[in-house]
Amino acid sequence: MAKGYWIARVDIRDPERYKDYVAAAKPAFEKYGASFIARGGAFTQLEGQARARNVIIEFPSHQAAVDCYNSPEYQIAAKIRQEVADAEMVVVEGV
């Protein structure tokens, strides 16, 4: 079974409150077997518009990645993130 990956590009407007999002999201990530591949760090913009923070999270499957996002646990965190950051997020299936 192919793994699933969240790819998120984020501009944080309130760094202090973003910490609340990170803490609130942790239970969902643990429940769905998330493993962080990239979380912030240096990047090189090649094309298009970049965001300040880029995150890649690996899940055991594409479905687990989607289920994590839709879970009640993550939706609590998502509300916080949406108040303090601008983001694009997609789930992609691994090869």
C-alpha atoms as a PDB file:
ATOM      1  CA  MET A   1       0.000   0.000   0.000  1.00  0.00           C
ATOM      2  CA  ALA A   2       1.334   3.409  -0.986  1.00  0.00           C
ATOM      3  CA  LYS A   3       1.978   5.939   1.750  1.00  0.00           C
ATOM      4  CA  GLY A   4       0.173   9.272   1.881  1.00  0.00           C
ATOM      5  CA  TYR A   5       1.769  12.691   2.318  1.00  0.00           C
ATOM      6  CA  TRP A   6       0.465  16.020   3.487  1.00  0.00           C
ATOM      7  CA  ILE A   7       2.212  18.847   1.691  1.00  0.00           C
ATOM      8  CA  ALA A   8       1.548  22.178   3.370  1.00  0.00           C
ATOM      9  CA  ARG A   9       2.822  25.635   2.491  1.00  0.00           C
ATOM     10  CA  VAL A  10       2.243  28.150   5.274  1.00  0.00           C
ATOM     11  CA  ASP A  11       2.693  31.830   6.109  1.00  0.00           C
ATOM     12  CA  ILE A  12       2.296  32.302   9.856  1.00  0.00           C
ATOM     13  CA  ARG A  13       0.714  35.590  10.962  1.00  0.00           C
ATOM     14  CA  ASP A  14       0.849  34.960  14.736  1.00  0.00           C
ATOM     15  CA  PRO A  15       3.844  32.808  15.768  1.00  0.00           C
ATOM     16  CA  GLU A  16       2.795  32.605  19.430  1.00  0.00           C
ATOM     17  CA  ARG A  17      -0.698  31.293  18.645  1.00  0.00           C
ATOM     18  CA  TYR A  18       0.727  28.963  15.981  1.00  0.00           C
ATOM     19  CA  LYS A  19       2.314  27.082  18.881  1.00  0.00           C
ATOM     20  CA  ASP A  20      -1.246  26.380  20.091  1.00  0.00           C
ATOM     21  CA  TYR A  21      -1.999  24.829  16.690  1.00  0.00           C
ATOM     22  CA  VAL A  22       1.079  22.610  16.874  1.00  0.00           C
ATOM     23  CA  ALA A  23       0.086  21.379  20.340  1.00  0.00           C
ATOM     24  CA  ALA A  24      -3.542  20.827  19.337  1.00  0.00           C
ATOM     25  CA  ALA A  25      -2.592  18.884  16.192  1.00  0.00           C
ATOM     26  CA  LYS A  26      -0.267  16.473  17.994  1.00  0.00           C
ATOM     27  CA  PRO A  27      -2.964  13.976  19.137  1.00  0.00           C
ATOM     28  CA  ALA A  28      -4.299  13.600  15.584  1.00  0.00           C
ATOM     29  CA  PHE A  29      -0.818  13.119  14.169  1.00  0.00           C
ATOM     30  CA  GLU A  30      -0.053  10.453  16.771  1.00  0.00           C
ATOM     31  CA  LYS A  31      -3.398   8.682  16.217  1.00  0.00           C
ATOM     32  CA  TYR A  32      -2.896   8.453  12.434  1.00  0.00           C
ATOM     33  CA  GLY A  33       0.790   7.500  12.421  1.00  0.00           C
ATOM     34  CA  ALA A  34       2.200  10.772  11.084  1.00  0.00           C
ATOM     35  CA  SER A  35       5.936  11.174  10.591  1.00  0.00           C
ATOM     36  CA  PHE A  36       7.429  14.566   9.741  1.00  0.00           C
ATOM     37  CA  ILE A  37       9.699  14.530   6.687  1.00  0.00           C
ATOM     38  CA  ALA A  38      10.195  18.313   6.486  1.00  0.00           C
ATOM     39  CA  ARG A  39       9.022  20.980   8.920  1.00  0.00           C
ATOM     40  CA  GLY A  40      10.121  24.494   8.063  1.00  0.00           C
ATOM     41  CA  GLY A  41      13.804  24.936   7.422  1.00  0.00           C
ATOM     42  CA  ALA A  42      15.712  26.401   4.530  1.00  0.00           C
ATOM     43  CA  PHE A  43      14.252  26.182   1.052  1.00  0.00           C
ATOM     44  CA  THR A  44      15.038  27.427  -2.435  1.00  0.00           C
ATOM     45  CA  GLN A  45      12.233  28.997  -4.436  1.00  0.00           C
ATOM     46  CA  LEU A  46      12.349  27.739  -8.008  1.00  0.00           C
ATOM     47  CA  GLU A  47       8.998  28.738  -9.537  1.00  0.00           C
ATOM     48  CA  GLY A  48       5.752  30.344  -8.489  1.00  0.00           C
ATOM     49  CA  GLN A  49       4.961  32.058  -5.215  1.00  0.00           C
ATOM     50  CA  ALA A  50       6.677  30.655  -2.133  1.00  0.00           C
ATOM     51  CA  ARG A  51       5.459  30.608   1.462  1.00  0.00           C
ATOM     52  CA  ALA A  52       7.715  30.969   4.489  1.00  0.00           C
ATOM     53  CA  ARG A  53       7.087  27.484   5.941  1.00  0.00           C
ATOM     54  CA  ASN A  54       6.918  24.194   4.035  1.00  0.00           C
ATOM     55  CA  VAL A  55       5.869  20.950   5.696  1.00  0.00           C
ATOM     56  CA  ILE A  56       5.761  17.353   4.461  1.00  0.00           C
ATOM     57  CA  ILE A  57       4.142  14.751   6.696  1.00  0.00           C
ATOM     58  CA  GLU A  58       4.165  11.037   5.862  1.00  0.00           C
ATOM     59  CA  PHE A  59       1.262   8.728   6.779  1.00  0.00           C
ATOM     60  CA  PRO A  60       0.939   4.950   6.446  1.00  0.00           C
ATOM     61  CA  SER A  61      -1.535   5.414   3.564  1.00  0.00           C
ATOM     62  CA  HIS A  62      -3.293   8.051   1.496  1.00  0.00           C
ATOM     63  CA  GLN A  63      -6.511   7.258   3.358  1.00  0.00           C
ATOM     64  CA  ALA A  64      -4.844   7.699   6.754  1.00  0.00           C
ATOM     65  CA  ALA A  65      -3.633  11.140   5.641  1.00  0.00           C
ATOM     66  CA  VAL A  66      -7.142  12.167   4.558  1.00  0.00           C
ATOM     67  CA  ASP A  67      -8.702  10.660   7.679  1.00  0.00           C
ATOM     68  CA  CYS A  68      -6.278  12.568   9.891  1.00  0.00           C
ATOM     69  CA  TYR A  69      -7.226  15.870   8.276  1.00  0.00           C
ATOM     70  CA  ASN A  70     -10.949  15.129   8.614  1.00  0.00           C
ATOM     71  CA  SER A  71     -10.707  13.812  12.177  1.00  0.00           C
ATOM     72  CA  PRO A  72     -12.382  15.688  15.039  1.00  0.00           C
ATOM     73  CA  GLU A  73      -8.964  15.893  16.708  1.00  0.00           C
ATOM     74  CA  TYR A  74      -7.343  17.669  13.770  1.00  0.00           C
ATOM     75  CA  GLN A  75     -10.305  19.894  13.023  1.00  0.00           C
ATOM     76  CA  ILE A  76      -9.874  21.505  16.452  1.00  0.00           C
ATOM     77  CA  ALA A  77      -6.289  22.319  15.482  1.00  0.00           C
ATOM     78  CA  ALA A  78      -7.268  23.409  11.964  1.00  0.00           C
ATOM     79  CA  LYS A  79      -9.537  26.121  13.360  1.00  0.00           C
ATOM     80  CA  ILE A  80      -6.610  27.561  15.297  1.00  0.00           C
ATOM     81  CA  ARG A  81      -4.306  27.373  12.258  1.00  0.00           C
ATOM     82  CA  GLN A  82      -6.847  29.078  10.029  1.00  0.00           C
ATOM     83  CA  GLU A  83      -7.048  31.989  12.493  1.00  0.00           C
ATOM     84  CA  VAL A  84      -3.283  32.529  12.687  1.00  0.00           C
ATOM     85  CA  ALA A  85      -1.851  31.440   9.315  1.00  0.00           C
ATOM     86  CA  ASP A  86      -2.503  31.306   5.585  1.00  0.00           C
ATOM     87  CA  ALA A  87      -1.895  27.935   3.987  1.00  0.00           C
ATOM     88  CA  GLU A  88      -2.359  25.585   1.074  1.00  0.00           C
ATOM     89  CA  MET A  89      -2.519  21.879   1.878  1.00  0.00           C
ATOM     90  CA  VAL A  90      -2.822  18.805  -0.297  1.00  0.00           C
ATOM     91  CA  VAL A  91      -2.614  15.072   0.266  1.00  0.00           C
ATOM     92  CA  VAL A  92      -0.668  13.085  -2.317  1.00  0.00           C
ATOM     93  CA  GLU A  93      -0.191   9.355  -2.711  1.00  0.00           C
ATOM     94  CA  GLY A  94       3.371   8.071  -2.600  1.00  0.00           C
ATOM     95  CA  VAL A  95       4.930   5.879  -5.267  1.00  0.00           C
END
